[in-house]
Amino acid sequence: MQTLPPSAPVFLTQNEVAELLRLPVRTVEDWRLTRNGPPWLKLGRHVRYEQDDLLGWVKERRHG
């Protein structure tokens, strides 16, 4: 098995995003469906979120 370089992007599932942000999966799904959430990719029938995009999106919403 080939090892990925350290700079390789990390892709998260909708469930992993919800777990990371400690939110219901339905909230993450609603964000995607209303296009109000973090950037996402559709790979065939699978939805994935690039970890760096997700963390950047979260930081943009920081207040205070």
N, C-alpha and C. Protein backbone atom coordinates (compact mmCIF):
# COMPACT_ATOMS: atom_id res chain seq x y z
N MET A 1 0.84 -1.18 0.00
CA MET A 1 0.00 0.00 0.00
C MET A 1 0.88 1.25 0.00
N GLN A 2 0.52 2.20 -0.82
CA GLN A 2 1.29 3.43 -0.96
C GLN A 2 0.92 4.41 0.15
N THR A 3 1.91 5.08 0.71
CA THR A 3 1.69 6.07 1.76
C THR A 3 1.46 7.43 1.12
N LEU A 4 0.46 8.15 1.62
CA LEU A 4 0.16 9.48 1.10
C LEU A 4 1.15 10.49 1.66
N PRO A 5 1.52 11.49 0.85
CA PRO A 5 2.41 12.53 1.36
C PRO A 5 1.71 13.34 2.45
N PRO A 6 2.48 13.94 3.37
CA PRO A 6 1.86 14.71 4.45
C PRO A 6 0.97 15.85 3.97
N SER A 7 1.19 16.33 2.77
CA SER A 7 0.40 17.45 2.24
C SER A 7 -0.88 16.99 1.55
N ALA A 8 -1.14 15.69 1.53
CA ALA A 8 -2.34 15.17 0.86
C ALA A 8 -3.59 15.65 1.60
N PRO A 9 -4.62 16.06 0.87
CA PRO A 9 -5.83 16.53 1.53
C PRO A 9 -6.53 15.40 2.28
N VAL A 10 -7.21 15.77 3.35
CA VAL A 10 -7.99 14.83 4.15
C VAL A 10 -9.46 15.10 3.85
N PHE A 11 -10.19 14.08 3.46
CA PHE A 11 -11.60 14.22 3.14
C PHE A 11 -12.44 13.58 4.23
N LEU A 12 -13.46 14.30 4.67
CA LEU A 12 -14.33 13.85 5.75
C LEU A 12 -15.73 13.56 5.23
N THR A 13 -16.38 12.59 5.84
CA THR A 13 -17.78 12.32 5.53
C THR A 13 -18.67 13.31 6.27
N GLN A 14 -19.92 13.33 5.91
CA GLN A 14 -20.89 14.19 6.59
C GLN A 14 -20.96 13.85 8.08
N ASN A 15 -20.93 12.56 8.41
CA ASN A 15 -20.96 12.14 9.81
C ASN A 15 -19.72 12.60 10.56
N GLU A 16 -18.56 12.53 9.92
CA GLU A 16 -17.31 12.97 10.56
C GLU A 16 -17.33 14.48 10.80
N VAL A 17 -17.88 15.23 9.85
CA VAL A 17 -18.00 16.68 10.03
C VAL A 17 -18.91 16.99 11.22
N ALA A 18 -20.04 16.32 11.29
CA ALA A 18 -20.96 16.53 12.40
C ALA A 18 -20.30 16.19 13.73
N GLU A 19 -19.57 15.10 13.77
CA GLU A 19 -18.89 14.70 15.00
C GLU A 19 -17.81 15.71 15.38
N LEU A 20 -17.03 16.15 14.41
CA LEU A 20 -15.97 17.12 14.67
C LEU A 20 -16.53 18.43 15.22
N LEU A 21 -17.64 18.90 14.65
CA LEU A 21 -18.24 20.16 15.07
C LEU A 21 -19.23 19.99 16.22
N ARG A 22 -19.46 18.73 16.62
CA ARG A 22 -20.39 18.41 17.70
C ARG A 22 -21.79 18.95 17.41
N LEU A 23 -22.25 18.64 16.20
CA LEU A 23 -23.56 19.06 15.73
C LEU A 23 -24.32 17.84 15.22
N PRO A 24 -25.65 17.95 15.14
CA PRO A 24 -26.41 16.86 14.52
C PRO A 24 -26.04 16.71 13.04
N VAL A 25 -26.07 15.48 12.56
CA VAL A 25 -25.80 15.21 11.15
C VAL A 25 -26.81 15.98 10.29
N ARG A 26 -28.03 16.07 10.75
CA ARG A 26 -29.08 16.77 9.99
C ARG A 26 -28.72 18.24 9.76
N THR A 27 -28.05 18.88 10.71
CA THR A 27 -27.63 20.27 10.54
C THR A 27 -26.63 20.38 9.39
N VAL A 28 -25.67 19.49 9.35
CA VAL A 28 -24.66 19.50 8.28
C VAL A 28 -25.34 19.26 6.93
N GLU A 29 -26.29 18.33 6.92
CA GLU A 29 -27.02 18.04 5.69
C GLU A 29 -27.84 19.25 5.24
N ASP A 30 -28.51 19.91 6.18
CA ASP A 30 -29.29 21.11 5.85
C ASP A 30 -28.39 22.21 5.29
N TRP A 31 -27.21 22.40 5.88
CA TRP A 31 -26.27 23.40 5.37
C TRP A 31 -25.94 23.11 3.90
N ARG A 32 -25.71 21.84 3.59
CA ARG A 32 -25.35 21.48 2.22
C ARG A 32 -26.52 21.72 1.28
N LEU A 33 -27.70 21.31 1.68
CA LEU A 33 -28.88 21.44 0.82
C LEU A 33 -29.28 22.89 0.58
N THR A 34 -29.04 23.76 1.56
CA THR A 34 -29.37 25.18 1.41
C THR A 34 -28.18 26.01 0.94
N ARG A 35 -27.06 25.33 0.74
CA ARG A 35 -25.81 25.98 0.29
C ARG A 35 -25.35 27.08 1.26
N ASN A 36 -25.57 26.87 2.55
CA ASN A 36 -25.14 27.81 3.58
C ASN A 36 -23.95 27.29 4.37
N GLY A 37 -23.51 26.10 4.06
CA GLY A 37 -22.47 25.46 4.86
C GLY A 37 -21.12 25.48 4.20
N PRO A 38 -20.22 24.65 4.72
CA PRO A 38 -18.86 24.59 4.19
C PRO A 38 -18.84 24.00 2.78
N PRO A 39 -17.79 24.30 2.02
CA PRO A 39 -17.66 23.72 0.68
C PRO A 39 -17.62 22.20 0.76
N TRP A 40 -18.21 21.55 -0.24
CA TRP A 40 -18.24 20.09 -0.26
C TRP A 40 -18.02 19.59 -1.67
N LEU A 41 -17.68 18.32 -1.76
CA LEU A 41 -17.44 17.68 -3.05
C LEU A 41 -18.41 16.52 -3.21
N LYS A 42 -18.82 16.28 -4.43
CA LYS A 42 -19.65 15.12 -4.73
C LYS A 42 -18.78 14.18 -5.56
N LEU A 43 -18.45 13.04 -5.00
CA LEU A 43 -17.64 12.03 -5.68
C LEU A 43 -18.54 10.84 -5.96
N GLY A 44 -19.08 10.82 -7.16
CA GLY A 44 -20.11 9.83 -7.46
C GLY A 44 -21.34 10.16 -6.64
N ARG A 45 -21.78 9.23 -5.82
CA ARG A 45 -22.93 9.51 -4.95
C ARG A 45 -22.52 9.87 -3.53
N HIS A 46 -21.21 10.04 -3.32
CA HIS A 46 -20.69 10.30 -1.99
C HIS A 46 -20.35 11.78 -1.81
N VAL A 47 -20.72 12.34 -0.68
CA VAL A 47 -20.40 13.73 -0.33
C VAL A 47 -19.20 13.71 0.59
N ARG A 48 -18.24 14.55 0.29
CA ARG A 48 -17.04 14.66 1.13
C ARG A 48 -16.71 16.14 1.35
N TYR A 49 -16.08 16.39 2.48
CA TYR A 49 -15.66 17.73 2.86
C TYR A 49 -14.15 17.70 3.05
N GLU A 50 -13.42 18.60 2.37
CA GLU A 50 -11.98 18.66 2.57
C GLU A 50 -11.73 19.33 3.92
N GLN A 51 -10.93 18.70 4.75
CA GLN A 51 -10.73 19.17 6.12
C GLN A 51 -10.24 20.62 6.17
N ASP A 52 -9.29 21.00 5.33
CA ASP A 52 -8.78 22.37 5.34
C ASP A 52 -9.87 23.37 4.97
N ASP A 53 -10.73 23.03 3.99
CA ASP A 53 -11.85 23.90 3.62
C ASP A 53 -12.81 24.06 4.79
N LEU A 54 -13.10 22.95 5.46
CA LEU A 54 -14.02 22.99 6.60
C LEU A 54 -13.49 23.88 7.71
N LEU A 55 -12.23 23.69 8.08
CA LEU A 55 -11.65 24.49 9.17
C LEU A 55 -11.56 25.96 8.79
N GLY A 56 -11.27 26.28 7.53
CA GLY A 56 -11.27 27.67 7.07
C GLY A 56 -12.65 28.27 7.14
N TRP A 57 -13.65 27.52 6.75
CA TRP A 57 -15.04 27.99 6.80
C TRP A 57 -15.44 28.28 8.25
N VAL A 58 -15.05 27.40 9.16
CA VAL A 58 -15.38 27.60 10.58
C VAL A 58 -14.70 28.87 11.11
N LYS A 59 -13.43 29.06 10.78
CA LYS A 59 -12.69 30.24 11.26
C LYS A 59 -13.28 31.54 10.75
N GLU A 60 -13.86 31.52 9.54
CA GLU A 60 -14.49 32.72 8.98
C GLU A 60 -15.72 33.14 9.79
N ARG A 61 -16.28 32.22 10.53
CA ARG A 61 -17.49 32.50 11.30
C ARG A 61 -17.23 32.87 12.74
N ARG A 62 -15.97 33.00 13.10
CA ARG A 62 -15.60 33.35 14.46
C ARG A 62 -16.00 34.78 14.77
N HIS A 63 -16.57 35.00 15.94
CA HIS A 63 -16.97 36.33 16.39
C HIS A 63 -16.17 36.69 17.64
N GLY A 64 -15.93 37.98 17.80
CA GLY A 64 -15.29 38.43 19.04
C GLY A 64 -13.80 38.39 19.02
